[in-house]
C-alpha cells in the first residue's frame, strides 16, 4: 500500500519540500459516514514521531520496489535517514506528521498538511512493503481522519491520489470521501497519471 499525496506527489519523498495544496469545498459529511472502527483500525494508534522512528522509516528505503511505489528517490539509506531526522526534529509549520503504531510497532505515518485551522490535506504511508495488503492503509487513513476532526477540530479534510494508484483511490472512496475534481499530472510506477481529488466534511 502506498500513500496518497502529501509531500511531494502523493508520498513523503525524501528529496521534496512540503507544499500547501488547495482544498476543495464540495464534500460529503463525516457525521453521516457511518464507519465504525474495525478491529484492525482500533489497534492502530497515532503518536508523535521520535528520533528512533527516523531509522525505521529510512529502513523502508532498502526495498527499491517500495521506493518506486512510494515515489521515493532510490539513494543510500543514510541519506533517507538524515532527511527523516531533519524532518522530525524541525518539521515545517504547515505539516503535522504522526506515527501510526500497531501493537507497539511503527507501521506507517499520517500527514495532516496545511495552515488553515479548519481544513487540512490528508496523506499517509504504510511500511515496510511486507505489511501491505493487510488493510493497514484503510486503518491508517481512518485514524488520520478521526484525529483531524476529533482532535484538531477540522471542518474539512481533503486528499488526492494518482488515478494510476488504484489502491489509494479505493481507500479514499471506502473512507467516505467524495471526489471533487482533478489535479496535476505526475507519474506512478513510470506511468503518467493525473491526481484525483477528494474531500470529506465534519458536518
C-alpha atoms as a PDB file:
ATOM      1  CA  UNK A   1       0.000   0.000   0.000  1.00  0.00           C
ATOM      2  CA  UNK A   2       1.383   3.359  -0.960  1.00  0.00           C
ATOM      3  CA  UNK A   3       0.435   6.753   0.327  1.00  0.00           C
ATOM      4  CA  UNK A   4      -1.592   9.493  -1.210  1.00  0.00           C
ATOM      5  CA  UNK A   5      -0.406  12.959  -1.993  1.00  0.00           C
ATOM      6  CA  UNK A   6       1.011  14.831   0.962  1.00  0.00           C
ATOM      7  CA  UNK A   7       4.635  15.727   0.499  1.00  0.00           C
ATOM      8  CA  UNK A   8       5.962  15.511  -2.990  1.00  0.00           C
ATOM      9  CA  UNK A   9       3.365  13.961  -5.229  1.00  0.00           C
ATOM     10  CA  UNK A  10       1.337  11.694  -3.026  1.00  0.00           C
ATOM     11  CA  UNK A  11       4.020  10.492  -0.697  1.00  0.00           C
ATOM     12  CA  UNK A  12       6.730  11.816   1.537  1.00  0.00           C
ATOM     13  CA  UNK A  13       9.605  11.976  -0.886  1.00  0.00           C
ATOM     14  CA  UNK A  14      12.953  12.442   0.835  1.00  0.00           C
ATOM     15  CA  UNK A  15      14.041  14.821  -1.928  1.00  0.00           C
ATOM     16  CA  UNK A  16      10.991  17.085  -1.915  1.00  0.00           C
ATOM     17  CA  UNK A  17       9.897  20.015   0.238  1.00  0.00           C
ATOM     18  CA  UNK A  18       6.328  20.239   1.573  1.00  0.00           C
ATOM     19  CA  UNK A  19       3.972  22.458  -0.432  1.00  0.00           C
ATOM     20  CA  UNK A  20       0.471  23.509   0.527  1.00  0.00           C
ATOM     21  CA  UNK A  21      -2.388  22.159  -1.583  1.00  0.00           C
ATOM     22  CA  UNK A  22      -5.677  23.895  -2.248  1.00  0.00           C
ATOM     23  CA  UNK A  23      -8.638  22.167  -0.639  1.00  0.00           C
ATOM     24  CA  UNK A  24     -11.937  21.745  -2.458  1.00  0.00           C
ATOM     25  CA  UNK A  25     -15.183  22.819  -0.836  1.00  0.00           C
ATOM     26  CA  UNK A  26     -17.520  20.115  -2.155  1.00  0.00           C
ATOM     27  CA  UNK A  27     -17.508  17.145   0.187  1.00  0.00           C
ATOM     28  CA  UNK A  28     -19.626  14.597   1.986  1.00  0.00           C
ATOM     29  CA  UNK A  29     -20.284  14.590   5.709  1.00  0.00           C
ATOM     30  CA  UNK A  30     -18.114  12.767   8.232  1.00  0.00           C
ATOM     31  CA  UNK A  31     -21.074  12.646  10.593  1.00  0.00           C
ATOM     32  CA  UNK A  32     -23.040  10.665   8.015  1.00  0.00           C
ATOM     33  CA  UNK A  33     -20.035   8.460   7.241  1.00  0.00           C
ATOM     34  CA  UNK A  34     -21.325   5.640   9.445  1.00  0.00           C
ATOM     35  CA  UNK A  35     -17.925   3.975   9.524  1.00  0.00           C
ATOM     36  CA  UNK A  36     -17.344   2.123  12.789  1.00  0.00           C
ATOM     37  CA  UNK A  37     -13.773   1.224  13.655  1.00  0.00           C
ATOM     38  CA  UNK A  38     -12.881  -2.319  12.661  1.00  0.00           C
ATOM     39  CA  UNK A  39     -10.764  -4.450  14.981  1.00  0.00           C
ATOM     40  CA  UNK A  40      -7.663  -3.632  12.926  1.00  0.00           C
ATOM     41  CA  UNK A  41      -8.389   0.100  12.911  1.00  0.00           C
ATOM     42  CA  UNK A  42      -8.962   0.080  16.668  1.00  0.00           C
ATOM     43  CA  UNK A  43      -5.463  -1.334  17.138  1.00  0.00           C
ATOM     44  CA  UNK A  44      -3.769   1.410  15.119  1.00  0.00           C
ATOM     45  CA  UNK A  45      -2.968   4.477  17.204  1.00  0.00           C
ATOM     46  CA  UNK A  46      -1.235   7.749  16.416  1.00  0.00           C
ATOM     47  CA  UNK A  47       1.584   9.298  18.417  1.00  0.00           C
ATOM     48  CA  UNK A  48       4.337  11.845  17.946  1.00  0.00           C
ATOM     49  CA  UNK A  49       7.320  10.776  15.888  1.00  0.00           C
ATOM     50  CA  UNK A  50      10.623  10.326  17.695  1.00  0.00           C
ATOM     51  CA  UNK A  51      14.245  10.104  16.628  1.00  0.00           C
ATOM     52  CA  UNK A  52      14.152   6.312  16.522  1.00  0.00           C
ATOM     53  CA  UNK A  53      11.315   6.433  14.010  1.00  0.00           C
ATOM     54  CA  UNK A  54      13.634   8.110  11.505  1.00  0.00           C
ATOM     55  CA  UNK A  55      15.744   4.958  11.426  1.00  0.00           C
ATOM     56  CA  UNK A  56      12.703   2.728  10.923  1.00  0.00           C
ATOM     57  CA  UNK A  57      11.243   4.877   8.144  1.00  0.00           C
ATOM     58  CA  UNK A  58      14.596   5.172   6.404  1.00  0.00           C
ATOM     59  CA  UNK A  59      14.934   1.409   6.612  1.00  0.00           C
ATOM     60  CA  UNK A  60      11.978   1.012   4.286  1.00  0.00           C
ATOM     61  CA  UNK A  61      14.103   2.555   1.552  1.00  0.00           C
ATOM     62  CA  UNK A  62      16.297  -0.554   1.376  1.00  0.00           C
ATOM     63  CA  UNK A  63      13.494  -2.043  -0.707  1.00  0.00           C
ATOM     64  CA  UNK A  64      13.739  -0.484  -4.172  1.00  0.00           C
ATOM     65  CA  UNK A  65      10.253  -1.700  -5.064  1.00  0.00           C
ATOM     66  CA  UNK A  66       8.929   0.163  -2.031  1.00  0.00           C
ATOM     67  CA  UNK A  67      10.730   3.314  -3.164  1.00  0.00           C
ATOM     68  CA  UNK A  68       9.308   3.071  -6.670  1.00  0.00           C
ATOM     69  CA  UNK A  69       5.759   2.519  -5.436  1.00  0.00           C
ATOM     70  CA  UNK A  70       6.031   5.266  -2.829  1.00  0.00           C
ATOM     71  CA  UNK A  71       7.683   7.739  -5.185  1.00  0.00           C
ATOM     72  CA  UNK A  72      10.872   7.904  -3.160  1.00  0.00           C
ATOM     73  CA  UNK A  73      14.221   8.529  -4.761  1.00  0.00           C
ATOM     74  CA  UNK A  74      16.453   5.459  -4.761  1.00  0.00           C
ATOM     75  CA  UNK A  75      19.510   6.545  -2.813  1.00  0.00           C
ATOM     76  CA  UNK A  76      21.601   5.344   0.144  1.00  0.00           C
ATOM     77  CA  UNK A  77      19.700   4.634   3.336  1.00  0.00           C
ATOM     78  CA  UNK A  78      21.902   7.143   5.156  1.00  0.00           C
ATOM     79  CA  UNK A  79      20.534   9.957   3.022  1.00  0.00           C
ATOM     80  CA  UNK A  80      16.956   8.920   3.726  1.00  0.00           C
ATOM     81  CA  UNK A  81      17.782   8.672   7.442  1.00  0.00           C
ATOM     82  CA  UNK A  82      19.275  12.150   7.540  1.00  0.00           C
ATOM     83  CA  UNK A  83      16.233  13.585   5.742  1.00  0.00           C
ATOM     84  CA  UNK A  84      13.824  11.890   8.147  1.00  0.00           C
ATOM     85  CA  UNK A  85      15.794  13.027  11.186  1.00  0.00           C
ATOM     86  CA  UNK A  86      15.737  16.631   9.996  1.00  0.00           C
ATOM     87  CA  UNK A  87      12.035  16.461   9.248  1.00  0.00           C
ATOM     88  CA  UNK A  88      11.198  15.044  12.674  1.00  0.00           C
ATOM     89  CA  UNK A  89      13.465  17.458  14.532  1.00  0.00           C
ATOM     90  CA  UNK A  90      12.334  20.553  12.655  1.00  0.00           C
ATOM     91  CA  UNK A  91       9.047  19.962  10.871  1.00  0.00           C
ATOM     92  CA  UNK A  92       7.622  22.665   8.595  1.00  0.00           C
ATOM     93  CA  UNK A  93       4.950  24.765  10.248  1.00  0.00           C
ATOM     94  CA  UNK A  94       2.354  23.533   7.773  1.00  0.00           C
ATOM     95  CA  UNK A  95       2.988  19.833   8.375  1.00  0.00           C
ATOM     96  CA  UNK A  96       1.717  17.656  11.204  1.00  0.00           C
ATOM     97  CA  UNK A  97       3.158  14.160  10.828  1.00  0.00           C
ATOM     98  CA  UNK A  98       2.208  11.450  13.306  1.00  0.00           C
ATOM     99  CA  UNK A  99       3.478   7.908  13.694  1.00  0.00           C
ATOM    100  CA  UNK A 100       0.937   5.132  13.086  1.00  0.00           C
ATOM    101  CA  UNK A 101       1.578   2.298  15.517  1.00  0.00           C
ATOM    102  CA  UNK A 102       0.055  -1.173  15.832  1.00  0.00           C
ATOM    103  CA  UNK A 103       0.860  -3.272  18.907  1.00  0.00           C
ATOM    104  CA  UNK A 104       3.838  -1.027  19.632  1.00  0.00           C
ATOM    105  CA  UNK A 105       5.301  -1.339  16.135  1.00  0.00           C
ATOM    106  CA  UNK A 106       5.611   1.534  13.676  1.00  0.00           C
ATOM    107  CA  UNK A 107       3.525   0.622  10.612  1.00  0.00           C
ATOM    108  CA  UNK A 108       3.409   3.982   8.857  1.00  0.00           C
ATOM    109  CA  UNK A 109       2.604   7.612   9.355  1.00  0.00           C
ATOM    110  CA  UNK A 110      -0.169  10.130   8.781  1.00  0.00           C
ATOM    111  CA  UNK A 111       0.255  13.650   7.465  1.00  0.00           C
ATOM    112  CA  UNK A 112      -2.227  16.458   8.053  1.00  0.00           C
ATOM    113  CA  UNK A 113      -0.872  19.229   5.913  1.00  0.00           C
ATOM    114  CA  UNK A 114      -1.733  22.917   5.825  1.00  0.00           C
ATOM    115  CA  UNK A 115      -2.081  26.048   7.947  1.00  0.00           C
ATOM    116  CA  UNK A 116      -5.825  26.556   7.634  1.00  0.00           C
ATOM    117  CA  UNK A 117      -7.350  25.989  11.097  1.00  0.00           C
ATOM    118  CA  UNK A 118     -10.451  24.450   9.521  1.00  0.00           C
ATOM    119  CA  UNK A 119      -9.085  22.406   6.636  1.00  0.00           C
ATOM    120  CA  UNK A 120      -6.048  20.229   6.024  1.00  0.00           C
ATOM    121  CA  UNK A 121      -4.862  17.685   3.498  1.00  0.00           C
ATOM    122  CA  UNK A 122      -4.531  14.050   4.478  1.00  0.00           C
ATOM    123  CA  UNK A 123      -1.606  11.896   3.447  1.00  0.00           C
ATOM    124  CA  UNK A 124      -0.360   8.556   4.686  1.00  0.00           C
ATOM    125  CA  UNK A 125       2.252   5.912   4.086  1.00  0.00           C
ATOM    126  CA  UNK A 126       2.377   2.295   5.277  1.00  0.00           C
ATOM    127  CA  UNK A 127       5.684   0.461   5.567  1.00  0.00           C
ATOM    128  CA  UNK A 128       7.559  -1.713   5.135  1.00  0.00           C
ATOM    129  CA  UNK A 129       6.205  -3.297   1.948  1.00  0.00           C
ATOM    130  CA  UNK A 130       5.888  -6.696   3.633  1.00  0.00           C
ATOM    131  CA  UNK A 131       2.849  -5.472   5.578  1.00  0.00           C
ATOM    132  CA  UNK A 132       0.975  -4.117   2.558  1.00  0.00           C
ATOM    133  CA  UNK A 133      -2.243  -5.876   1.646  1.00  0.00           C
ATOM    134  CA  UNK A 134      -3.355  -6.379   5.257  1.00  0.00           C
ATOM    135  CA  UNK A 135      -5.814  -3.498   5.487  1.00  0.00           C
ATOM    136  CA  UNK A 136      -3.402  -1.161   7.222  1.00  0.00           C
ATOM    137  CA  UNK A 137      -3.801   1.555   4.593  1.00  0.00           C
ATOM    138  CA  UNK A 138      -7.504   1.776   5.379  1.00  0.00           C
ATOM    139  CA  UNK A 139      -6.807   1.671   9.112  1.00  0.00           C
ATOM    140  CA  UNK A 140      -4.186   4.415   8.990  1.00  0.00           C
ATOM    141  CA  UNK A 141      -6.332   6.665   6.788  1.00  0.00           C
ATOM    142  CA  UNK A 142      -9.299   6.156   9.122  1.00  0.00           C
ATOM    143  CA  UNK A 143      -7.460   7.114  12.301  1.00  0.00           C
ATOM    144  CA  UNK A 144      -5.908  10.070  10.463  1.00  0.00           C
ATOM    145  CA  UNK A 145      -9.341  11.415   9.542  1.00  0.00           C
ATOM    146  CA  UNK A 146     -10.659  10.856  13.041  1.00  0.00           C
ATOM    147  CA  UNK A 147      -7.660  12.689  14.501  1.00  0.00           C
ATOM    148  CA  UNK A 148      -8.212  15.627  12.180  1.00  0.00           C
ATOM    149  CA  UNK A 149     -11.855  16.001  13.103  1.00  0.00           C
ATOM    150  CA  UNK A 150     -11.893  14.965  16.736  1.00  0.00           C
ATOM    151  CA  UNK A 151      -8.531  16.276  17.972  1.00  0.00           C
ATOM    152  CA  UNK A 152      -7.731  19.179  15.650  1.00  0.00           C
ATOM    153  CA  UNK A 153     -11.359  20.211  15.236  1.00  0.00           C
ATOM    154  CA  UNK A 154     -11.090  20.480  11.459  1.00  0.00           C
ATOM    155  CA  UNK A 155     -14.198  21.127   9.397  1.00  0.00           C
ATOM    156  CA  UNK A 156     -12.912  19.557   6.211  1.00  0.00           C
ATOM    157  CA  UNK A 157     -10.168  17.161   5.161  1.00  0.00           C
ATOM    158  CA  UNK A 158      -9.083  16.802   1.557  1.00  0.00           C
ATOM    159  CA  UNK A 159      -6.785  14.363  -0.200  1.00  0.00           C
ATOM    160  CA  UNK A 160      -5.647  13.457  -3.677  1.00  0.00           C
ATOM    161  CA  UNK A 161      -4.190  10.340  -5.222  1.00  0.00           C
ATOM    162  CA  UNK A 162      -2.986   9.491  -8.676  1.00  0.00           C
ATOM    163  CA  UNK A 163      -5.501   7.766 -10.916  1.00  0.00           C
ATOM    164  CA  UNK A 164      -2.926   5.037 -11.557  1.00  0.00           C
ATOM    165  CA  UNK A 165      -2.629   4.358  -7.815  1.00  0.00           C
ATOM    166  CA  UNK A 166      -5.782   2.296  -7.570  1.00  0.00           C
ATOM    167  CA  UNK A 167      -5.127   1.135  -4.007  1.00  0.00           C
ATOM    168  CA  UNK A 168      -5.094   4.681  -2.640  1.00  0.00           C
ATOM    169  CA  UNK A 169      -8.135   5.652  -4.706  1.00  0.00           C
ATOM    170  CA  UNK A 170     -10.076   2.734  -3.254  1.00  0.00           C
ATOM    171  CA  UNK A 171      -9.131   3.735   0.284  1.00  0.00           C
ATOM    172  CA  UNK A 172     -10.312   7.313  -0.206  1.00  0.00           C
ATOM    173  CA  UNK A 173     -13.600   6.046  -1.573  1.00  0.00           C
ATOM    174  CA  UNK A 174     -14.045   3.496   1.205  1.00  0.00           C
ATOM    175  CA  UNK A 175     -13.482   6.028   3.993  1.00  0.00           C
ATOM    176  CA  UNK A 176     -16.349   8.037   2.521  1.00  0.00           C
ATOM    177  CA  UNK A 177     -14.583  10.833   0.716  1.00  0.00           C
ATOM    178  CA  UNK A 178     -16.373  12.471  -2.206  1.00  0.00           C
ATOM    179  CA  UNK A 179     -14.493  13.100  -5.425  1.00  0.00           C
ATOM    180  CA  UNK A 180     -14.211  16.815  -6.130  1.00  0.00           C
ATOM    181  CA  UNK A 181     -12.114  17.188  -9.267  1.00  0.00           C
ATOM    182  CA  UNK A 182      -8.790  16.652 -10.969  1.00  0.00           C
ATOM    183  CA  UNK A 183      -5.319  17.906 -10.077  1.00  0.00           C
ATOM    184  CA  UNK A 184      -1.884  17.953 -11.673  1.00  0.00           C
ATOM    185  CA  UNK A 185      -0.155  15.319 -13.717  1.00  0.00           C
ATOM    186  CA  UNK A 186       2.562  13.123 -12.217  1.00  0.00           C
ATOM    187  CA  UNK A 187       3.806   9.560 -12.597  1.00  0.00           C
ATOM    188  CA  UNK A 188       3.151   6.353 -10.673  1.00  0.00           C
ATOM    189  CA  UNK A 189       5.465   3.408 -11.324  1.00  0.00           C
ATOM    190  CA  UNK A 190       6.574   5.073 -14.530  1.00  0.00           C
ATOM    191  CA  UNK A 191       3.053   5.676 -15.794  1.00  0.00           C
ATOM    192  CA  UNK A 192       1.803   9.204 -16.435  1.00  0.00           C
ATOM    193  CA  UNK A 193      -1.333   9.886 -14.416  1.00  0.00           C
ATOM    194  CA  UNK A 194      -3.447  12.727 -13.097  1.00  0.00           C
ATOM    195  CA  UNK A 195      -4.402  13.332  -9.484  1.00  0.00           C
ATOM    196  CA  UNK A 196      -7.997  12.703  -8.463  1.00  0.00           C
ATOM    197  CA  UNK A 197      -9.095  14.971  -5.616  1.00  0.00           C
ATOM    198  CA  UNK A 198     -11.380  14.100  -2.730  1.00  0.00           C
ATOM    199  CA  UNK A 199     -12.811  15.735   0.395  1.00  0.00           C
ATOM    200  CA  UNK A 200     -14.881  14.946   3.463  1.00  0.00           C
ATOM    201  CA  UNK A 201     -16.528  17.351   5.916  1.00  0.00           C
ATOM    202  CA  UNK A 202     -17.052  17.164   9.646  1.00  0.00           C
ATOM    203  CA  UNK A 203     -20.648  18.332   9.341  1.00  0.00           C
END
